[in-house]
Amino acid sequence: MVKKSLVLGFLMGMVYLTMEGFARGWTNISMLFVGGTAAVLVGLLNQYPRYYRLKIWQQCVIGTLIVLAIELGSGLILNVWLGLGIWDYSAKPGNIYGQICPQFAALWFFLMPFNIWLDDWLRFRLYQEGDPYRLKEIYLELITGK
């Protein structure tokens, strides 16, 4: 289980690193670990029936809270304590210590279906675990509230 989580964390961290690089024009190697950890924790929830039986919007809320907790914790360490200045949301309304804000919480919410799908898809491809839903179906469920 640890090896599987490390592999999934590395792969999903690389996806996050790439997405952030395209979106911001740059990234920091620490985002491999921060993004990978968040993605694995969200993906691990989907291994428990109590979680995957929830509606997609409910899964997205829980996943967003996980990401925000990791973002706040890692931001306080990397940006505030170590002074790396990787991100700073202090100019955004509603921010907490300049490390998390409602605007990015909304972004994480709408990225959760992708995280859920990617985790399922990688588990299926690498470890022959259950056939994943199609990404389009997951977003349709989010939009329709099913």
N, C-alpha and C. Protein backbone atom coordinates (compact mmCIF):
# COMPACT_ATOMS: atom_id res chain seq x y z
N MET A 1 0.82 -1.19 0.00
CA MET A 1 0.00 0.00 0.00
C MET A 1 0.87 1.27 0.00
N VAL A 2 1.97 1.25 0.75
CA VAL A 2 2.85 2.42 0.79
C VAL A 2 3.50 2.64 -0.57
N LYS A 3 4.00 1.56 -1.18
CA LYS A 3 4.64 1.68 -2.49
C LYS A 3 3.64 2.20 -3.52
N LYS A 4 2.43 1.66 -3.48
CA LYS A 4 1.39 2.09 -4.41
C LYS A 4 1.09 3.58 -4.22
N SER A 5 0.97 4.01 -2.97
CA SER A 5 0.69 5.42 -2.69
C SER A 5 1.83 6.32 -3.16
N LEU A 6 3.07 5.85 -3.00
CA LEU A 6 4.22 6.64 -3.46
C LEU A 6 4.22 6.78 -4.98
N VAL A 7 3.93 5.68 -5.68
CA VAL A 7 3.88 5.71 -7.15
C VAL A 7 2.76 6.64 -7.61
N LEU A 8 1.57 6.46 -7.03
CA LEU A 8 0.44 7.31 -7.40
C LEU A 8 0.72 8.78 -7.06
N GLY A 9 1.32 9.01 -5.90
CA GLY A 9 1.65 10.38 -5.49
C GLY A 9 2.64 11.03 -6.44
N PHE A 10 3.64 10.27 -6.86
CA PHE A 10 4.62 10.82 -7.80
C PHE A 10 3.94 11.15 -9.14
N LEU A 11 3.15 10.22 -9.66
CA LEU A 11 2.52 10.44 -10.97
C LEU A 11 1.51 11.59 -10.92
N MET A 12 0.67 11.60 -9.89
CA MET A 12 -0.31 12.68 -9.80
C MET A 12 0.36 14.00 -9.43
N GLY A 13 1.44 13.94 -8.68
CA GLY A 13 2.22 15.15 -8.40
C GLY A 13 2.82 15.72 -9.67
N MET A 14 3.28 14.85 -10.56
CA MET A 14 3.82 15.30 -11.85
C MET A 14 2.72 15.96 -12.70
N VAL A 15 1.53 15.38 -12.66
CA VAL A 15 0.41 15.99 -13.39
C VAL A 15 0.13 17.39 -12.82
N TYR A 16 0.09 17.49 -11.49
CA TYR A 16 -0.15 18.79 -10.86
C TYR A 16 0.96 19.79 -11.20
N LEU A 17 2.19 19.34 -11.12
CA LEU A 17 3.34 20.19 -11.44
C LEU A 17 3.22 20.73 -12.87
N THR A 18 2.85 19.87 -13.79
CA THR A 18 2.69 20.26 -15.19
C THR A 18 1.55 21.26 -15.37
N MET A 19 0.41 20.97 -14.74
CA MET A 19 -0.74 21.88 -14.85
C MET A 19 -0.41 23.25 -14.27
N GLU A 20 0.24 23.27 -13.12
CA GLU A 20 0.60 24.55 -12.50
C GLU A 20 1.63 25.29 -13.36
N GLY A 21 2.56 24.57 -13.94
CA GLY A 21 3.55 25.19 -14.81
C GLY A 21 2.90 25.87 -16.01
N PHE A 22 1.93 25.19 -16.61
CA PHE A 22 1.22 25.80 -17.74
C PHE A 22 0.37 26.98 -17.30
N ALA A 23 -0.30 26.86 -16.16
CA ALA A 23 -1.20 27.91 -15.69
C ALA A 23 -0.46 29.15 -15.22
N ARG A 24 0.64 28.97 -14.49
CA ARG A 24 1.35 30.11 -13.90
C ARG A 24 2.59 30.52 -14.67
N GLY A 25 3.07 29.63 -15.53
CA GLY A 25 4.30 29.91 -16.27
C GLY A 25 5.54 29.43 -15.53
N TRP A 26 5.39 28.98 -14.31
CA TRP A 26 6.49 28.44 -13.51
C TRP A 26 5.90 27.63 -12.35
N THR A 27 6.73 26.86 -11.71
CA THR A 27 6.32 26.11 -10.53
C THR A 27 7.55 25.87 -9.67
N ASN A 28 7.38 25.17 -8.60
CA ASN A 28 8.47 24.85 -7.69
C ASN A 28 8.43 23.34 -7.45
N ILE A 29 9.58 22.71 -7.36
CA ILE A 29 9.65 21.26 -7.20
C ILE A 29 8.88 20.78 -5.97
N SER A 30 8.75 21.61 -4.96
CA SER A 30 8.00 21.21 -3.76
C SER A 30 6.54 20.92 -4.09
N MET A 31 6.04 21.49 -5.18
CA MET A 31 4.66 21.25 -5.57
C MET A 31 4.44 19.81 -6.04
N LEU A 32 5.50 19.14 -6.43
CA LEU A 32 5.41 17.71 -6.74
C LEU A 32 4.93 16.96 -5.51
N PHE A 33 5.49 17.29 -4.36
CA PHE A 33 5.15 16.60 -3.12
C PHE A 33 3.83 17.10 -2.54
N VAL A 34 3.61 18.39 -2.59
CA VAL A 34 2.37 18.95 -2.05
C VAL A 34 1.18 18.47 -2.89
N GLY A 35 1.27 18.63 -4.21
CA GLY A 35 0.19 18.19 -5.09
C GLY A 35 -0.01 16.69 -5.06
N GLY A 36 1.08 15.94 -5.04
CA GLY A 36 0.99 14.49 -4.99
C GLY A 36 0.36 13.99 -3.71
N THR A 37 0.72 14.60 -2.59
CA THR A 37 0.14 14.21 -1.30
C THR A 37 -1.35 14.49 -1.27
N ALA A 38 -1.74 15.67 -1.71
CA ALA A 38 -3.16 16.02 -1.74
C ALA A 38 -3.93 15.07 -2.65
N ALA A 39 -3.40 14.80 -3.82
CA ALA A 39 -4.08 13.93 -4.78
C ALA A 39 -4.22 12.51 -4.24
N VAL A 40 -3.18 11.99 -3.60
CA VAL A 40 -3.25 10.64 -3.05
C VAL A 40 -4.27 10.56 -1.92
N LEU A 41 -4.28 11.55 -1.05
CA LEU A 41 -5.25 11.53 0.06
C LEU A 41 -6.68 11.60 -0.44
N VAL A 42 -6.94 12.43 -1.43
CA VAL A 42 -8.28 12.50 -2.02
C VAL A 42 -8.60 11.16 -2.69
N GLY A 43 -7.64 10.60 -3.43
CA GLY A 43 -7.84 9.32 -4.09
C GLY A 43 -8.07 8.17 -3.11
N LEU A 44 -7.37 8.19 -1.99
CA LEU A 44 -7.54 7.13 -0.98
C LEU A 44 -8.95 7.11 -0.42
N LEU A 45 -9.56 8.27 -0.28
CA LEU A 45 -10.93 8.31 0.21
C LEU A 45 -11.86 7.50 -0.69
N ASN A 46 -11.57 7.54 -1.98
CA ASN A 46 -12.42 6.85 -2.94
C ASN A 46 -12.27 5.33 -2.86
N GLN A 47 -11.43 4.83 -1.99
CA GLN A 47 -11.27 3.39 -1.80
C GLN A 47 -12.23 2.86 -0.73
N TYR A 48 -12.97 3.76 -0.09
CA TYR A 48 -13.88 3.38 0.99
C TYR A 48 -15.32 3.59 0.55
N PRO A 49 -16.17 2.54 0.66
CA PRO A 49 -17.57 2.66 0.22
C PRO A 49 -18.32 3.84 0.83
N ARG A 50 -18.05 4.14 2.08
CA ARG A 50 -18.74 5.26 2.74
C ARG A 50 -18.50 6.56 1.97
N TYR A 51 -17.33 6.70 1.38
CA TYR A 51 -17.00 7.91 0.63
C TYR A 51 -17.49 7.83 -0.81
N TYR A 52 -17.20 6.73 -1.52
CA TYR A 52 -17.53 6.72 -2.94
C TYR A 52 -19.02 6.57 -3.20
N ARG A 53 -19.79 6.27 -2.17
CA ARG A 53 -21.25 6.24 -2.33
C ARG A 53 -21.87 7.62 -2.22
N LEU A 54 -21.08 8.59 -1.79
CA LEU A 54 -21.57 9.97 -1.71
C LEU A 54 -21.77 10.54 -3.12
N LYS A 55 -22.59 11.56 -3.20
CA LYS A 55 -22.76 12.26 -4.48
C LYS A 55 -21.43 12.94 -4.82
N ILE A 56 -21.22 13.16 -6.11
CA ILE A 56 -19.97 13.76 -6.56
C ILE A 56 -19.73 15.12 -5.90
N TRP A 57 -20.76 15.93 -5.78
CA TRP A 57 -20.56 17.25 -5.17
C TRP A 57 -20.10 17.12 -3.72
N GLN A 58 -20.59 16.09 -3.02
CA GLN A 58 -20.16 15.86 -1.64
C GLN A 58 -18.70 15.41 -1.60
N GLN A 59 -18.32 14.54 -2.54
CA GLN A 59 -16.92 14.12 -2.64
C GLN A 59 -16.03 15.32 -2.94
N CYS A 60 -16.53 16.22 -3.78
CA CYS A 60 -15.75 17.42 -4.14
C CYS A 60 -15.56 18.34 -2.93
N VAL A 61 -16.58 18.47 -2.10
CA VAL A 61 -16.45 19.30 -0.89
C VAL A 61 -15.40 18.71 0.04
N ILE A 62 -15.47 17.40 0.29
CA ILE A 62 -14.50 16.74 1.18
C ILE A 62 -13.10 16.85 0.59
N GLY A 63 -12.96 16.58 -0.70
CA GLY A 63 -11.66 16.68 -1.36
C GLY A 63 -11.09 18.08 -1.29
N THR A 64 -11.94 19.08 -1.48
CA THR A 64 -11.50 20.47 -1.41
C THR A 64 -11.00 20.82 -0.01
N LEU A 65 -11.69 20.34 1.01
CA LEU A 65 -11.25 20.59 2.40
C LEU A 65 -9.90 19.95 2.67
N ILE A 66 -9.68 18.76 2.11
CA ILE A 66 -8.38 18.09 2.26
C ILE A 66 -7.29 18.92 1.60
N VAL A 67 -7.55 19.36 0.37
CA VAL A 67 -6.55 20.16 -0.35
C VAL A 67 -6.27 21.46 0.38
N LEU A 68 -7.31 22.12 0.88
CA LEU A 68 -7.10 23.38 1.60
C LEU A 68 -6.28 23.17 2.86
N ALA A 69 -6.52 22.08 3.57
CA ALA A 69 -5.73 21.80 4.78
C ALA A 69 -4.27 21.58 4.43
N ILE A 70 -4.02 20.83 3.36
CA ILE A 70 -2.64 20.58 2.92
C ILE A 70 -2.01 21.86 2.41
N GLU A 71 -2.78 22.64 1.65
CA GLU A 71 -2.26 23.90 1.12
C GLU A 71 -1.92 24.88 2.25
N LEU A 72 -2.78 24.95 3.26
CA LEU A 72 -2.50 25.84 4.39
C LEU A 72 -1.27 25.37 5.16
N GLY A 73 -1.23 24.09 5.48
CA GLY A 73 -0.08 23.56 6.22
C GLY A 73 1.23 23.71 5.47
N SER A 74 1.23 23.32 4.21
CA SER A 74 2.47 23.41 3.44
C SER A 74 2.82 24.87 3.16
N GLY A 75 1.82 25.72 2.98
CA GLY A 75 2.08 27.14 2.75
C GLY A 75 2.71 27.81 3.96
N LEU A 76 2.22 27.45 5.14
CA LEU A 76 2.80 28.02 6.36
C LEU A 76 4.25 27.58 6.52
N ILE A 77 4.54 26.34 6.15
CA ILE A 77 5.93 25.84 6.25
C ILE A 77 6.80 26.43 5.14
N LEU A 78 6.37 26.26 3.89
CA LEU A 78 7.21 26.65 2.75
C LEU A 78 7.30 28.16 2.55
N ASN A 79 6.17 28.83 2.65
CA ASN A 79 6.14 30.26 2.33
C ASN A 79 6.40 31.17 3.53
N VAL A 80 5.80 30.83 4.66
CA VAL A 80 5.94 31.70 5.84
C VAL A 80 7.21 31.35 6.62
N TRP A 81 7.34 30.11 7.02
CA TRP A 81 8.46 29.71 7.86
C TRP A 81 9.78 29.71 7.09
N LEU A 82 9.80 29.04 5.91
CA LEU A 82 11.04 28.96 5.13
C LEU A 82 11.22 30.15 4.18
N GLY A 83 10.19 30.94 3.97
CA GLY A 83 10.28 32.14 3.15
C GLY A 83 10.51 31.89 1.67
N LEU A 84 10.01 30.76 1.14
CA LEU A 84 10.25 30.43 -0.27
C LEU A 84 9.38 31.26 -1.23
N GLY A 85 8.27 31.78 -0.77
CA GLY A 85 7.43 32.63 -1.62
C GLY A 85 6.89 31.93 -2.85
N ILE A 86 6.47 30.70 -2.71
CA ILE A 86 5.96 29.93 -3.85
C ILE A 86 4.59 30.45 -4.28
N TRP A 87 3.74 30.80 -3.33
CA TRP A 87 2.48 31.44 -3.64
C TRP A 87 2.14 32.40 -2.51
N ASP A 88 1.30 33.38 -2.86
CA ASP A 88 0.89 34.38 -1.87
C ASP A 88 -0.49 34.89 -2.27
N TYR A 89 -1.48 34.51 -1.50
CA TYR A 89 -2.86 34.93 -1.78
C TYR A 89 -3.28 36.10 -0.88
N SER A 90 -2.32 36.78 -0.28
CA SER A 90 -2.66 37.84 0.69
C SER A 90 -3.46 38.98 0.06
N ALA A 91 -3.39 39.16 -1.24
CA ALA A 91 -4.17 40.22 -1.90
C ALA A 91 -5.59 39.76 -2.23
N LYS A 92 -5.88 38.49 -2.06
CA LYS A 92 -7.20 37.95 -2.39
C LYS A 92 -8.14 38.12 -1.19
N PRO A 93 -9.38 38.53 -1.45
CA PRO A 93 -10.35 38.66 -0.36
C PRO A 93 -10.61 37.32 0.33
N GLY A 94 -10.73 37.34 1.64
CA GLY A 94 -11.06 36.14 2.39
C GLY A 94 -9.90 35.19 2.61
N ASN A 95 -8.68 35.61 2.30
CA ASN A 95 -7.53 34.71 2.45
C ASN A 95 -7.23 34.44 3.92
N ILE A 96 -6.59 33.32 4.17
CA ILE A 96 -6.12 32.97 5.51
C ILE A 96 -4.61 32.90 5.46
N TYR A 97 -3.97 33.83 6.17
CA TYR A 97 -2.50 33.93 6.23
C TYR A 97 -1.85 34.02 4.85
N GLY A 98 -2.62 34.40 3.84
CA GLY A 98 -2.09 34.50 2.49
C GLY A 98 -1.82 33.15 1.83
N GLN A 99 -2.27 32.06 2.46
CA GLN A 99 -1.95 30.73 1.96
C GLN A 99 -3.13 30.01 1.32
N ILE A 100 -4.34 30.31 1.74
CA ILE A 100 -5.53 29.76 1.10
C ILE A 100 -6.54 30.89 0.94
N CYS A 101 -7.45 30.72 -0.03
CA CYS A 101 -8.46 31.75 -0.27
C CYS A 101 -9.67 31.10 -0.94
N PRO A 102 -10.83 31.76 -0.85
CA PRO A 102 -12.05 31.21 -1.45
C PRO A 102 -11.95 31.00 -2.96
N GLN A 103 -11.23 31.88 -3.65
CA GLN A 103 -11.13 31.77 -5.11
C GLN A 103 -10.46 30.46 -5.51
N PHE A 104 -9.39 30.10 -4.83
CA PHE A 104 -8.71 28.85 -5.16
C PHE A 104 -9.46 27.65 -4.58
N ALA A 105 -10.21 27.86 -3.51
CA ALA A 105 -11.06 26.78 -3.00
C ALA A 105 -12.07 26.37 -4.08
N ALA A 106 -12.63 27.36 -4.78
CA ALA A 106 -13.56 27.07 -5.87
C ALA A 106 -12.86 26.31 -6.99
N LEU A 107 -11.65 26.72 -7.31
CA LEU A 107 -10.88 26.01 -8.34
C LEU A 107 -10.64 24.56 -7.93
N TRP A 108 -10.22 24.34 -6.69
CA TRP A 108 -9.97 22.97 -6.23
C TRP A 108 -11.25 22.15 -6.29
N PHE A 109 -12.39 22.76 -5.92
CA PHE A 109 -13.67 22.06 -5.97
C PHE A 109 -13.93 21.52 -7.37
N PHE A 110 -13.73 22.36 -8.38
CA PHE A 110 -14.01 21.94 -9.75
C PHE A 110 -12.92 21.06 -10.35
N LEU A 111 -11.76 20.97 -9.70
CA LEU A 111 -10.72 20.03 -10.14
C LEU A 111 -10.86 18.66 -9.48
N MET A 112 -11.69 18.55 -8.44
CA MET A 112 -11.84 17.28 -7.73
C MET A 112 -12.30 16.13 -8.62
N PRO A 113 -13.29 16.33 -9.52
CA PRO A 113 -13.66 15.20 -10.39
C PRO A 113 -12.47 14.69 -11.21
N PHE A 114 -11.61 15.60 -11.66
CA PHE A 114 -10.42 15.18 -12.39
C PHE A 114 -9.51 14.36 -11.49
N ASN A 115 -9.31 14.79 -10.25
CA ASN A 115 -8.47 14.06 -9.29
C ASN A 115 -9.04 12.66 -9.04
N ILE A 116 -10.35 12.58 -8.82
CA ILE A 116 -11.00 11.30 -8.57
C ILE A 116 -10.82 10.38 -9.78
N TRP A 117 -11.07 10.92 -10.96
CA TRP A 117 -10.93 10.13 -12.18
C TRP A 117 -9.49 9.68 -12.39
N LEU A 118 -8.53 10.60 -12.23
CA LEU A 118 -7.12 10.26 -12.47
C LEU A 118 -6.67 9.17 -11.51
N ASP A 119 -7.04 9.27 -10.25
CA ASP A 119 -6.68 8.23 -9.28
C ASP A 119 -7.27 6.89 -9.71
N ASP A 120 -8.55 6.87 -10.06
CA ASP A 120 -9.19 5.62 -10.50
C ASP A 120 -8.54 5.08 -11.77
N TRP A 121 -8.26 5.97 -12.72
CA TRP A 121 -7.67 5.55 -13.99
C TRP A 121 -6.28 4.96 -13.77
N LEU A 122 -5.45 5.62 -12.95
CA LEU A 122 -4.10 5.10 -12.68
C LEU A 122 -4.17 3.76 -11.94
N ARG A 123 -5.08 3.65 -10.99
CA ARG A 123 -5.22 2.38 -10.26
C ARG A 123 -5.65 1.26 -11.22
N PHE A 124 -6.51 1.59 -12.17
CA PHE A 124 -6.96 0.60 -13.15
C PHE A 124 -5.80 0.21 -14.08
N ARG A 125 -5.09 1.19 -14.60
CA ARG A 125 -4.00 0.92 -15.55
C ARG A 125 -2.79 0.25 -14.91
N LEU A 126 -2.43 0.69 -13.72
CA LEU A 126 -1.22 0.17 -13.08
C LEU A 126 -1.46 -1.07 -12.24
N TYR A 127 -2.64 -1.14 -11.61
CA TYR A 127 -2.86 -2.21 -10.63
C TYR A 127 -4.10 -3.04 -10.90
N GLN A 128 -4.72 -2.85 -12.07
CA GLN A 128 -5.90 -3.59 -12.48
C GLN A 128 -7.04 -3.51 -11.46
N GLU A 129 -7.12 -2.38 -10.78
CA GLU A 129 -8.23 -2.14 -9.86
C GLU A 129 -9.41 -1.60 -10.65
N GLY A 130 -10.62 -1.84 -10.22
CA GLY A 130 -11.87 -1.45 -10.85
C GLY A 130 -11.82 -0.51 -12.04
N ASP A 131 -12.68 -0.77 -13.00
CA ASP A 131 -12.79 0.04 -14.21
C ASP A 131 -13.26 1.46 -13.84
N PRO A 132 -12.52 2.49 -14.23
CA PRO A 132 -12.89 3.86 -13.82
C PRO A 132 -14.07 4.40 -14.61
N TYR A 133 -14.79 5.32 -13.99
CA TYR A 133 -15.83 6.05 -14.71
C TYR A 133 -15.16 6.94 -15.74
N ARG A 134 -15.93 7.35 -16.72
CA ARG A 134 -15.41 8.32 -17.69
C ARG A 134 -15.42 9.70 -17.03
N LEU A 135 -14.41 10.49 -17.35
CA LEU A 135 -14.30 11.82 -16.75
C LEU A 135 -15.54 12.66 -17.05
N LYS A 136 -16.03 12.57 -18.27
CA LYS A 136 -17.22 13.32 -18.67
C LYS A 136 -18.41 12.96 -17.78
N GLU A 137 -18.56 11.67 -17.46
CA GLU A 137 -19.67 11.23 -16.61
C GLU A 137 -19.57 11.83 -15.21
N ILE A 138 -18.36 11.91 -14.69
CA ILE A 138 -18.17 12.45 -13.35
C ILE A 138 -18.55 13.93 -13.32
N TYR A 139 -18.12 14.68 -14.33
CA TYR A 139 -18.48 16.11 -14.38
C TYR A 139 -19.98 16.29 -14.61
N LEU A 140 -20.59 15.43 -15.42
CA LEU A 140 -22.04 15.52 -15.62
C LEU A 140 -22.78 15.27 -14.31
N GLU A 141 -22.31 14.31 -13.53
CA GLU A 141 -22.92 14.06 -12.22
C GLU A 141 -22.76 15.27 -11.31
N LEU A 142 -21.62 15.94 -11.37
CA LEU A 142 -21.42 17.13 -10.56
C LEU A 142 -22.39 18.23 -10.97
N ILE A 143 -22.53 18.43 -12.27
CA ILE A 143 -23.39 19.50 -12.79
C ILE A 143 -24.86 19.22 -12.49
N THR A 144 -25.27 17.96 -12.64
CA THR A 144 -26.68 17.61 -12.43
C THR A 144 -27.02 17.35 -10.97
N GLY A 145 -26.02 17.23 -10.12
CA GLY A 145 -26.25 17.01 -8.69
C GLY A 145 -26.61 15.59 -8.32
N LYS A 146 -26.37 14.64 -9.22
CA LYS A 146 -26.69 13.23 -8.93
C LYS A 146 -25.68 12.61 -8.02
